[in-house]
Amino acid sequence: MTIRLPIETEAGQFSESVTFMRLIEHLRLAAEDAYMIGHHRKENGDVVTGQLFIVYGQAFEKACEGITATATRHSRSN
């Protein structure tokens, strides 16, 4: 079961900026959580899985940077 968040609106219109900020926040939280799980796994002797979670954390951070770059490049051209 998935809990869906409501679409943010301003005066009934879709709010791209609020949704973008929420997306970035979720990616940052996902990266932090992946790092926490990775370090916990490594401390408990599961080095391979722990390292994979750290790599996932880095991938979330890279996705966050890419999305931010794309969004800011698009907004500057308008």
PDB file of N, CA and C in Angstrom:
ATOM      1  N   MET A   1       0.844  -1.182   0.000  1.00  0.00           N
ATOM      2  CA  MET A   1       0.000   0.000   0.000  1.00  0.00           C
ATOM      3  C   MET A   1       0.887   1.242   0.000  1.00  0.00           C
ATOM      4  N   THR A   2       0.587   2.149  -0.875  1.00  0.00           N
ATOM      5  CA  THR A   2       1.355   3.379  -0.998  1.00  0.00           C
ATOM      6  C   THR A   2       0.522   4.547  -0.489  1.00  0.00           C
ATOM      7  N   ILE A   3       1.142   5.375   0.306  1.00  0.00           N
ATOM      8  CA  ILE A   3       0.488   6.596   0.758  1.00  0.00           C
ATOM      9  C   ILE A   3       0.897   7.696  -0.210  1.00  0.00           C
ATOM     10  N   ARG A   4      -0.038   8.199  -0.947  1.00  0.00           N
ATOM     11  CA  ARG A   4       0.240   9.244  -1.930  1.00  0.00           C
ATOM     12  C   ARG A   4       0.060  10.617  -1.298  1.00  0.00           C
ATOM     13  N   LEU A   5       0.983  11.499  -1.606  1.00  0.00           N
ATOM     14  CA  LEU A   5       0.881  12.864  -1.123  1.00  0.00           C
ATOM     15  C   LEU A   5       0.011  13.670  -2.080  1.00  0.00           C
ATOM     16  N   PRO A   6      -0.733  14.631  -1.574  1.00  0.00           N
ATOM     17  CA  PRO A   6      -1.580  15.436  -2.466  1.00  0.00           C
ATOM     18  C   PRO A   6      -0.725  16.327  -3.374  1.00  0.00           C
ATOM     19  N   ILE A   7      -1.267  16.635  -4.527  1.00  0.00           N
ATOM     20  CA  ILE A   7      -0.599  17.558  -5.449  1.00  0.00           C
ATOM     21  C   ILE A   7      -0.724  18.963  -4.875  1.00  0.00           C
ATOM     22  N   GLU A   8       0.402  19.663  -4.789  1.00  0.00           N
ATOM     23  CA  GLU A   8       0.403  21.026  -4.250  1.00  0.00           C
ATOM     24  C   GLU A   8      -0.155  21.994  -5.288  1.00  0.00           C
ATOM     25  N   THR A   9      -1.006  22.884  -4.832  1.00  0.00           N
ATOM     26  CA  THR A   9      -1.554  23.902  -5.723  1.00  0.00           C
ATOM     27  C   THR A   9      -1.478  25.262  -5.049  1.00  0.00           C
ATOM     28  N   GLU A  10      -1.498  26.279  -5.856  1.00  0.00           N
ATOM     29  CA  GLU A  10      -1.595  27.661  -5.398  1.00  0.00           C
ATOM     30  C   GLU A  10      -2.779  28.265  -6.143  1.00  0.00           C
ATOM     31  N   ALA A  11      -3.821  28.619  -5.419  1.00  0.00           N
ATOM     32  CA  ALA A  11      -5.062  29.160  -5.994  1.00  0.00           C
ATOM     33  C   ALA A  11      -5.655  28.207  -7.029  1.00  0.00           C
ATOM     34  N   GLY A  12      -5.553  26.903  -6.755  1.00  0.00           N
ATOM     35  CA  GLY A  12      -6.122  25.905  -7.641  1.00  0.00           C
ATOM     36  C   GLY A  12      -5.255  25.511  -8.816  1.00  0.00           C
ATOM     37  N   GLN A  13      -4.099  26.149  -8.982  1.00  0.00           N
ATOM     38  CA  GLN A  13      -3.182  25.831 -10.072  1.00  0.00           C
ATOM     39  C   GLN A  13      -2.013  24.999  -9.539  1.00  0.00           C
ATOM     40  N   PHE A  14      -1.571  24.036 -10.337  1.00  0.00           N
ATOM     41  CA  PHE A  14      -0.437  23.191  -9.979  1.00  0.00           C
ATOM     42  C   PHE A  14       0.782  24.044  -9.630  1.00  0.00           C
ATOM     43  N   SER A  15       1.440  23.730  -8.521  1.00  0.00           N
ATOM     44  CA  SER A  15       2.618  24.484  -8.100  1.00  0.00           C
ATOM     45  C   SER A  15       3.878  23.667  -8.381  1.00  0.00           C
ATOM     46  N   GLU A  16       4.548  23.998  -9.458  1.00  0.00           N
ATOM     47  CA  GLU A  16       5.766  23.282  -9.842  1.00  0.00           C
ATOM     48  C   GLU A  16       6.874  23.485  -8.813  1.00  0.00           C
ATOM     49  N   SER A  17       7.009  24.697  -8.294  1.00  0.00           N
ATOM     50  CA  SER A  17       8.103  24.977  -7.369  1.00  0.00           C
ATOM     51  C   SER A  17       7.961  24.197  -6.063  1.00  0.00           C
ATOM     52  N   VAL A  18       6.744  24.114  -5.530  1.00  0.00           N
ATOM     53  CA  VAL A  18       6.532  23.373  -4.290  1.00  0.00           C
ATOM     54  C   VAL A  18       6.759  21.885  -4.520  1.00  0.00           C
ATOM     55  N   THR A  19       6.282  21.371  -5.637  1.00  0.00           N
ATOM     56  CA  THR A  19       6.470  19.957  -5.956  1.00  0.00           C
ATOM     57  C   THR A  19       7.948  19.652  -6.175  1.00  0.00           C
ATOM     58  N   PHE A  20       8.655  20.550  -6.836  1.00  0.00           N
ATOM     59  CA  PHE A  20      10.090  20.393  -7.040  1.00  0.00           C
ATOM     60  C   PHE A  20      10.826  20.358  -5.700  1.00  0.00           C
ATOM     61  N   MET A  21      10.489  21.278  -4.803  1.00  0.00           N
ATOM     62  CA  MET A  21      11.145  21.292  -3.491  1.00  0.00           C
ATOM     63  C   MET A  21      10.865  20.001  -2.722  1.00  0.00           C
ATOM     64  N   ARG A  22       9.651  19.488  -2.846  1.00  0.00           N
ATOM     65  CA  ARG A  22       9.301  18.246  -2.161  1.00  0.00           C
ATOM     66  C   ARG A  22      10.090  17.073  -2.749  1.00  0.00           C
ATOM     67  N   LEU A  23      10.244  17.042  -4.070  1.00  0.00           N
ATOM     68  CA  LEU A  23      11.027  15.992  -4.729  1.00  0.00           C
ATOM     69  C   LEU A  23      12.475  16.005  -4.247  1.00  0.00           C
ATOM     70  N   ILE A  24      13.082  17.179  -4.205  1.00  0.00           N
ATOM     71  CA  ILE A  24      14.465  17.304  -3.747  1.00  0.00           C
ATOM     72  C   ILE A  24      14.587  16.853  -2.288  1.00  0.00           C
ATOM     73  N   GLU A  25      13.641  17.248  -1.459  1.00  0.00           N
ATOM     74  CA  GLU A  25      13.671  16.849  -0.050  1.00  0.00           C
ATOM     75  C   GLU A  25      13.592  15.332   0.090  1.00  0.00           C
ATOM     76  N   HIS A  26      12.725  14.692  -0.682  1.00  0.00           N
ATOM     77  CA  HIS A  26      12.604  13.239  -0.605  1.00  0.00           C
ATOM     78  C   HIS A  26      13.877  12.542  -1.086  1.00  0.00           C
ATOM     79  N   LEU A  27      14.513  13.076  -2.113  1.00  0.00           N
ATOM     80  CA  LEU A  27      15.772  12.493  -2.576  1.00  0.00           C
ATOM     81  C   LEU A  27      16.864  12.633  -1.522  1.00  0.00           C
ATOM     82  N   ARG A  28      16.923  13.786  -0.863  1.00  0.00           N
ATOM     83  CA  ARG A  28      17.924  13.977   0.195  1.00  0.00           C
ATOM     84  C   ARG A  28      17.670  13.041   1.372  1.00  0.00           C
ATOM     85  N   LEU A  29      16.408  12.884   1.748  1.00  0.00           N
ATOM     86  CA  LEU A  29      16.071  11.953   2.832  1.00  0.00           C
ATOM     87  C   LEU A  29      16.404  10.519   2.443  1.00  0.00           C
ATOM     88  N   ALA A  30      16.143  10.157   1.186  1.00  0.00           N
ATOM     89  CA  ALA A  30      16.476   8.812   0.722  1.00  0.00           C
ATOM     90  C   ALA A  30      17.986   8.573   0.770  1.00  0.00           C
ATOM     91  N   ALA A  31      18.759   9.584   0.386  1.00  0.00           N
ATOM     92  CA  ALA A  31      20.220   9.457   0.445  1.00  0.00           C
ATOM     93  C   ALA A  31      20.688   9.276   1.886  1.00  0.00           C
ATOM     94  N   GLU A  32      20.168  10.077   2.799  1.00  0.00           N
ATOM     95  CA  GLU A  32      20.549   9.956   4.209  1.00  0.00           C
ATOM     96  C   GLU A  32      20.196   8.582   4.753  1.00  0.00           C
ATOM     97  N   ASP A  33      19.002   8.098   4.425  1.00  0.00           N
ATOM     98  CA  ASP A  33      18.579   6.786   4.912  1.00  0.00           C
ATOM     99  C   ASP A  33      19.438   5.667   4.337  1.00  0.00           C
ATOM    100  N   ALA A  34      19.778   5.768   3.056  1.00  0.00           N
ATOM    101  CA  ALA A  34      20.631   4.755   2.437  1.00  0.00           C
ATOM    102  C   ALA A  34      22.002   4.734   3.110  1.00  0.00           C
ATOM    103  N   TYR A  35      22.553   5.905   3.407  1.00  0.00           N
ATOM    104  CA  TYR A  35      23.836   5.962   4.111  1.00  0.00           C
ATOM    105  C   TYR A  35      23.741   5.335   5.499  1.00  0.00           C
ATOM    106  N   MET A  36      22.655   5.631   6.206  1.00  0.00           N
ATOM    107  CA  MET A  36      22.485   5.079   7.558  1.00  0.00           C
ATOM    108  C   MET A  36      22.414   3.558   7.517  1.00  0.00           C
ATOM    109  N   ILE A  37      21.617   3.023   6.598  1.00  0.00           N
ATOM    110  CA  ILE A  37      21.501   1.569   6.480  1.00  0.00           C
ATOM    111  C   ILE A  37      22.842   0.971   6.077  1.00  0.00           C
ATOM    112  N   GLY A  38      23.516   1.621   5.134  1.00  0.00           N
ATOM    113  CA  GLY A  38      24.818   1.116   4.689  1.00  0.00           C
ATOM    114  C   GLY A  38      25.835   1.049   5.806  1.00  0.00           C
ATOM    115  N   HIS A  39      25.945   2.100   6.591  1.00  0.00           N
ATOM    116  CA  HIS A  39      26.914   2.102   7.689  1.00  0.00           C
ATOM    117  C   HIS A  39      26.520   1.095   8.764  1.00  0.00           C
ATOM    118  N   HIS A  40      25.226   0.957   9.007  1.00  0.00           N
ATOM    119  CA  HIS A  40      24.763  -0.017   9.997  1.00  0.00           C
ATOM    120  C   HIS A  40      25.090  -1.440   9.539  1.00  0.00           C
ATOM    121  N   ARG A  41      24.841  -1.742   8.273  1.00  0.00           N
ATOM    122  CA  ARG A  41      25.150  -3.071   7.749  1.00  0.00           C
ATOM    123  C   ARG A  41      26.655  -3.367   7.829  1.00  0.00           C
ATOM    124  N   LYS A  42      27.467  -2.362   7.478  1.00  0.00           N
ATOM    125  CA  LYS A  42      28.915  -2.567   7.527  1.00  0.00           C
ATOM    126  C   LYS A  42      29.393  -2.798   8.951  1.00  0.00           C
ATOM    127  N   GLU A  43      28.819  -2.074   9.927  1.00  0.00           N
ATOM    128  CA  GLU A  43      29.190  -2.275  11.327  1.00  0.00           C
ATOM    129  C   GLU A  43      28.843  -3.676  11.804  1.00  0.00           C
ATOM    130  N   ASN A  44      27.777  -4.256  11.245  1.00  0.00           N
ATOM    131  CA  ASN A  44      27.333  -5.579  11.664  1.00  0.00           C
ATOM    132  C   ASN A  44      27.908  -6.699  10.804  1.00  0.00           C
ATOM    133  N   GLY A  45      28.929  -6.400  10.022  1.00  0.00           N
ATOM    134  CA  GLY A  45      29.664  -7.421   9.292  1.00  0.00           C
ATOM    135  C   GLY A  45      29.199  -7.698   7.879  1.00  0.00           C
ATOM    136  N   ASP A  46      28.150  -7.068   7.412  1.00  0.00           N
ATOM    137  CA  ASP A  46      27.674  -7.272   6.052  1.00  0.00           C
ATOM    138  C   ASP A  46      28.244  -6.162   5.167  1.00  0.00           C
ATOM    139  N   VAL A  47      29.514  -6.293   4.850  1.00  0.00           N
ATOM    140  CA  VAL A  47      30.247  -5.230   4.156  1.00  0.00           C
ATOM    141  C   VAL A  47      29.733  -5.021   2.731  1.00  0.00           C
ATOM    142  N   VAL A  48      29.436  -6.096   2.021  1.00  0.00           N
ATOM    143  CA  VAL A  48      29.019  -5.971   0.625  1.00  0.00           C
ATOM    144  C   VAL A  48      27.686  -5.230   0.513  1.00  0.00           C
ATOM    145  N   THR A  49      26.696  -5.672   1.271  1.00  0.00           N
ATOM    146  CA  THR A  49      25.399  -5.002   1.229  1.00  0.00           C
ATOM    147  C   THR A  49      25.508  -3.579   1.758  1.00  0.00           C
ATOM    148  N   GLY A  50      26.304  -3.379   2.792  1.00  0.00           N
ATOM    149  CA  GLY A  50      26.504  -2.042   3.335  1.00  0.00           C
ATOM    150  C   GLY A  50      27.077  -1.101   2.302  1.00  0.00           C
ATOM    151  N   GLN A  51      28.065  -1.572   1.548  1.00  0.00           N
ATOM    152  CA  GLN A  51      28.667  -0.729   0.517  1.00  0.00           C
ATOM    153  C   GLN A  51      27.670  -0.427  -0.590  1.00  0.00           C
ATOM    154  N   LEU A  52      26.814  -1.397  -0.918  1.00  0.00           N
ATOM    155  CA  LEU A  52      25.788  -1.147  -1.935  1.00  0.00           C
ATOM    156  C   LEU A  52      24.832  -0.045  -1.503  1.00  0.00           C
ATOM    157  N   PHE A  53      24.431  -0.033  -0.237  1.00  0.00           N
ATOM    158  CA  PHE A  53      23.547   1.025   0.230  1.00  0.00           C
ATOM    159  C   PHE A  53      24.242   2.380   0.201  1.00  0.00           C
ATOM    160  N   ILE A  54      25.526   2.412   0.465  1.00  0.00           N
ATOM    161  CA  ILE A  54      26.270   3.673   0.369  1.00  0.00           C
ATOM    162  C   ILE A  54      26.311   4.155  -1.084  1.00  0.00           C
ATOM    163  N   VAL A  55      26.485   3.220  -2.012  1.00  0.00           N
ATOM    164  CA  VAL A  55      26.453   3.576  -3.437  1.00  0.00           C
ATOM    165  C   VAL A  55      25.074   4.092  -3.823  1.00  0.00           C
ATOM    166  N   TYR A  56      24.000   3.470  -3.294  1.00  0.00           N
ATOM    167  CA  TYR A  56      22.651   3.960  -3.560  1.00  0.00           C
ATOM    168  C   TYR A  56      22.489   5.389  -3.027  1.00  0.00           C
ATOM    169  N   GLY A  57      23.028   5.666  -1.866  1.00  0.00           N
ATOM    170  CA  GLY A  57      22.972   7.017  -1.312  1.00  0.00           C
ATOM    171  C   GLY A  57      23.644   8.025  -2.230  1.00  0.00           C
ATOM    172  N   GLN A  58      24.790   7.641  -2.767  1.00  0.00           N
ATOM    173  CA  GLN A  58      25.490   8.519  -3.699  1.00  0.00           C
ATOM    174  C   GLN A  58      24.676   8.733  -4.977  1.00  0.00           C
ATOM    175  N   ALA A  59      23.990   7.674  -5.424  1.00  0.00           N
ATOM    176  CA  ALA A  59      23.152   7.793  -6.625  1.00  0.00           C
ATOM    177  C   ALA A  59      21.979   8.747  -6.376  1.00  0.00           C
ATOM    178  N   PHE A  60      21.380   8.678  -5.184  1.00  0.00           N
ATOM    179  CA  PHE A  60      20.306   9.618  -4.857  1.00  0.00           C
ATOM    180  C   PHE A  60      20.820  11.054  -4.857  1.00  0.00           C
ATOM    181  N   GLU A  61      22.010  11.274  -4.303  1.00  0.00           N
ATOM    182  CA  GLU A  61      22.586  12.625  -4.303  1.00  0.00           C
ATOM    183  C   GLU A  61      22.852  13.112  -5.731  1.00  0.00           C
ATOM    184  N   LYS A  62      23.371  12.220  -6.565  1.00  0.00           N
ATOM    185  CA  LYS A  62      23.647  12.593  -7.954  1.00  0.00           C
ATOM    186  C   LYS A  62      22.347  12.908  -8.699  1.00  0.00           C
ATOM    187  N   ALA A  63      21.297  12.125  -8.442  1.00  0.00           N
ATOM    188  CA  ALA A  63      19.991  12.397  -9.054  1.00  0.00           C
ATOM    189  C   ALA A  63      19.473  13.758  -8.613  1.00  0.00           C
ATOM    190  N   CYS A  64      19.658  14.084  -7.345  1.00  0.00           N
ATOM    191  CA  CYS A  64      19.223  15.375  -6.813  1.00  0.00           C
ATOM    192  C   CYS A  64      19.945  16.518  -7.528  1.00  0.00           C
ATOM    193  N   GLU A  65      21.246  16.373  -7.721  1.00  0.00           N
ATOM    194  CA  GLU A  65      22.022  17.393  -8.421  1.00  0.00           C
ATOM    195  C   GLU A  65      21.567  17.532  -9.875  1.00  0.00           C
ATOM    196  N   GLY A  66      21.323  16.404 -10.541  1.00  0.00           N
ATOM    197  CA  GLY A  66      20.890  16.434 -11.938  1.00  0.00           C
ATOM    198  C   GLY A  66      19.523  17.071 -12.104  1.00  0.00           C
ATOM    199  N   ILE A  67      18.607  16.736 -11.217  1.00  0.00           N
ATOM    200  CA  ILE A  67      17.266  17.317 -11.288  1.00  0.00           C
ATOM    201  C   ILE A  67      17.317  18.810 -11.011  1.00  0.00           C
ATOM    202  N   THR A  68      18.126  19.210 -10.039  1.00  0.00           N
ATOM    203  CA  THR A  68      18.271  20.636  -9.735  1.00  0.00           C
ATOM    204  C   THR A  68      18.851  21.383 -10.933  1.00  0.00           C
ATOM    205  N   ALA A  69      19.869  20.813 -11.561  1.00  0.00           N
ATOM    206  CA  ALA A  69      20.480  21.455 -12.732  1.00  0.00           C
ATOM    207  C   ALA A  69      19.480  21.575 -13.871  1.00  0.00           C
ATOM    208  N   THR A  70      18.710  20.522 -14.102  1.00  0.00           N
ATOM    209  CA  THR A  70      17.716  20.550 -15.177  1.00  0.00           C
ATOM    210  C   THR A  70      16.630  21.592 -14.892  1.00  0.00           C
ATOM    211  N   ALA A  71      16.148  21.617 -13.674  1.00  0.00           N
ATOM    212  CA  ALA A  71      15.076  22.550 -13.329  1.00  0.00           C
ATOM    213  C   ALA A  71      15.546  23.995 -13.393  1.00  0.00           C
ATOM    214  N   THR A  72      16.740  24.274 -12.925  1.00  0.00           N
ATOM    215  CA  THR A  72      17.222  25.654 -12.958  1.00  0.00           C
ATOM    216  C   THR A  72      17.587  26.086 -14.368  1.00  0.00           C
ATOM    217  N   ARG A  73      18.081  25.179 -15.181  1.00  0.00           N
ATOM    218  CA  ARG A  73      18.385  25.514 -16.576  1.00  0.00           C
ATOM    219  C   ARG A  73      17.097  25.846 -17.315  1.00  0.00           C
ATOM    220  N   HIS A  74      16.044  25.082 -17.056  1.00  0.00           N
ATOM    221  CA  HIS A  74      14.752  25.317 -17.718  1.00  0.00           C
ATOM    222  C   HIS A  74      14.158  26.662 -17.285  1.00  0.00           C
ATOM    223  N   SER A  75      14.246  26.972 -16.006  1.00  0.00           N
ATOM    224  CA  SER A  75      13.635  28.215 -15.531  1.00  0.00           C
ATOM    225  C   SER A  75      14.396  29.446 -16.010  1.00  0.00           C
ATOM    226  N   ARG A  76      15.665  29.329 -16.279  1.00  0.00           N
ATOM    227  CA  ARG A  76      16.446  30.483 -16.758  1.00  0.00           C
ATOM    228  C   ARG A  76      16.119  30.813 -18.209  1.00  0.00           C
ATOM    229  N   SER A  77      15.707  29.794 -18.990  1.00  0.00           N
ATOM    230  CA  SER A  77      15.441  30.036 -20.413  1.00  0.00           C
ATOM    231  C   SER A  77      14.098  30.703 -20.642  1.00  0.00           C
ATOM    232  N   ASN A  78      13.247  30.744 -19.618  1.00  0.00           N
ATOM    233  CA  ASN A  78      11.914  31.375 -19.766  1.00  0.00           C
ATOM    234  C   ASN A  78      11.982  32.866 -19.635  1.00  0.00           C
TER     235      ASN A  78
END
